Amino acid sequence: MSTASMRRAAPLHRLRQVASHLRAPHRSLPSVASPLSARTFARSASSSAPSRPWIFTTSAAFHGKPGYRPAPASAGLGPDHPLVAWRDQAMREGNAPKEGAGHDWWLAEGIPESDGSGSKGVVLGVADGVGGWEESGIDPSHFSQSLMWFARERVRTARWALPPPTKAGEGDESGMALVDLLDGAYEDVMQEEGVVAGSSTACVVALDAETGMLHAANLGDSGFIVLRPQPASDLPPTPPPSPPTDASTFTPPTPSVLYRLVHEQTPQIHFFNAPLQLSKLPAAERAQADKAEKDGKWLRDLPRDADVVNLQLEDGDVVLLVTDGYSDNIWAEGETTRLVELVRTKLDSEASSSSASKDGTGASPSPGSRSASDAALASSIAQTAVNFARVVSVRPDVYTPFAAEAKRWDVKGMVGGKVDDVTVVCAVVRRGGDA
């Protein structure tokens, strides 16, 4: 069976698990994902701004591996480094669990207007540090945190700018601007003495508030997903539900809005469970590694190896950046789409209940409507996605993307979920102005 076929074969009872999880999201976990406050990024309303700006509301959620405790590091970032204050503030805002974010990290930074009056859009990112560095006395999270920090600083201080307007499919120039951002951040990490060594995957995405374009660069097996709301009439007929089992008698509610998968980023790997990644070796080993690279005995991945994407967004789209703690456990098509539908349905139901006495209507929301607060929607999607991935990750009886990939590579004994750090950054897309 092909990987695509295996992805379509996700059993229906998993969808019931999503719905059941939404009913009681806290029962099966000792702690839940930590959501960050939602933030909205929009182009300024000055007279020179376009009449139909795009608005992006973002939120993030994270959770380290169960029981994760950072191993004592022999060297690393000092407590007075500005990155540490930025990281700790994010942890406080997210009411971080004891496991923190593990080796994952992320960013969400507005792209400043030249006059400082607003945002041209937002840059989002996720990075997944390689845990094996702990064996060498190095904190793996320092590399991923620094990569996101330096990317943020380049955006914040206008050392990086949005690419000129480009339509989807017109080439990779706009996506290459994100490669340039990643390349600059990587070079900064290489120069940072506080980062002794480390490795990380990386995904950076820019959302343009003038054009509604998404530009992305992805290296490794982190990635992003784009979902689009649509009327039920646009979908093929839904097959009848399978009979309930003793373990699952709950029937999911009918979604108020349906979503379809528009884009799922393909992971970049060298071989099974070995993604492309940016790396920094200890100083004592770099000369030897350079020689090994010249001799073809060592593979070194660079930002230029990243896949680039340009995609036109539409009103109501949901963009998710995820580390592999999510994508190894949850299918994008069928499960992530259903999860977003159920979160949206729950919020719409709550909003309808609170407003029913005011207007006396019970109309269903349109696909692009804003019945649910975008801030609540972004936050709820991110938190629910992380929590659900954690539930699935510890189950041996589920068929996951990780198990499917192991089967494709003929790796034996890899069944069920994969326990890992999980980070999800969510953006809800709106077209403002007179649209």
Foldseek 3Di string as FASTA:
>chain_A
DDLVVLLVVFDPVLLLVLQVCVVPVPDPDPDFWFKAFKDKAADFPDPPADQKWKMKIKMKTWAFFVPDDFDAAPFFDDCPPVLNVVQVVRCVRRVADPNGLQLKDKDWAFQADPVRRGGQWIKIKMKGWDPPCVVVRARRNRLNSQLRVQLRVCRVVVVADQDPDDDFPPDQPRLVSQLVSSQRSLVVLLVDVRHQKTKIWMKMWTQGRRQRKIKIWGFFPWWKWKKAWDDPVVDDDDDDDDCDDPVRPDDRDDFLIFIFTDDDDDGAAPAQPHTQIAIDHGPVCVVVVVVCVVVVNDDHDGSVPIDMGMDRDDQFMKMKTKHVLQQQQARVGPRLRSSLRRLNRVQLVVLCVVCCVPPVDDDRDHRRDCSGPQSSSNRSSNRSSQSSSQVFQPDQPGAGSSNSSCVVNVNPDDGTHHGGIIMMMMMTMHTDRPD
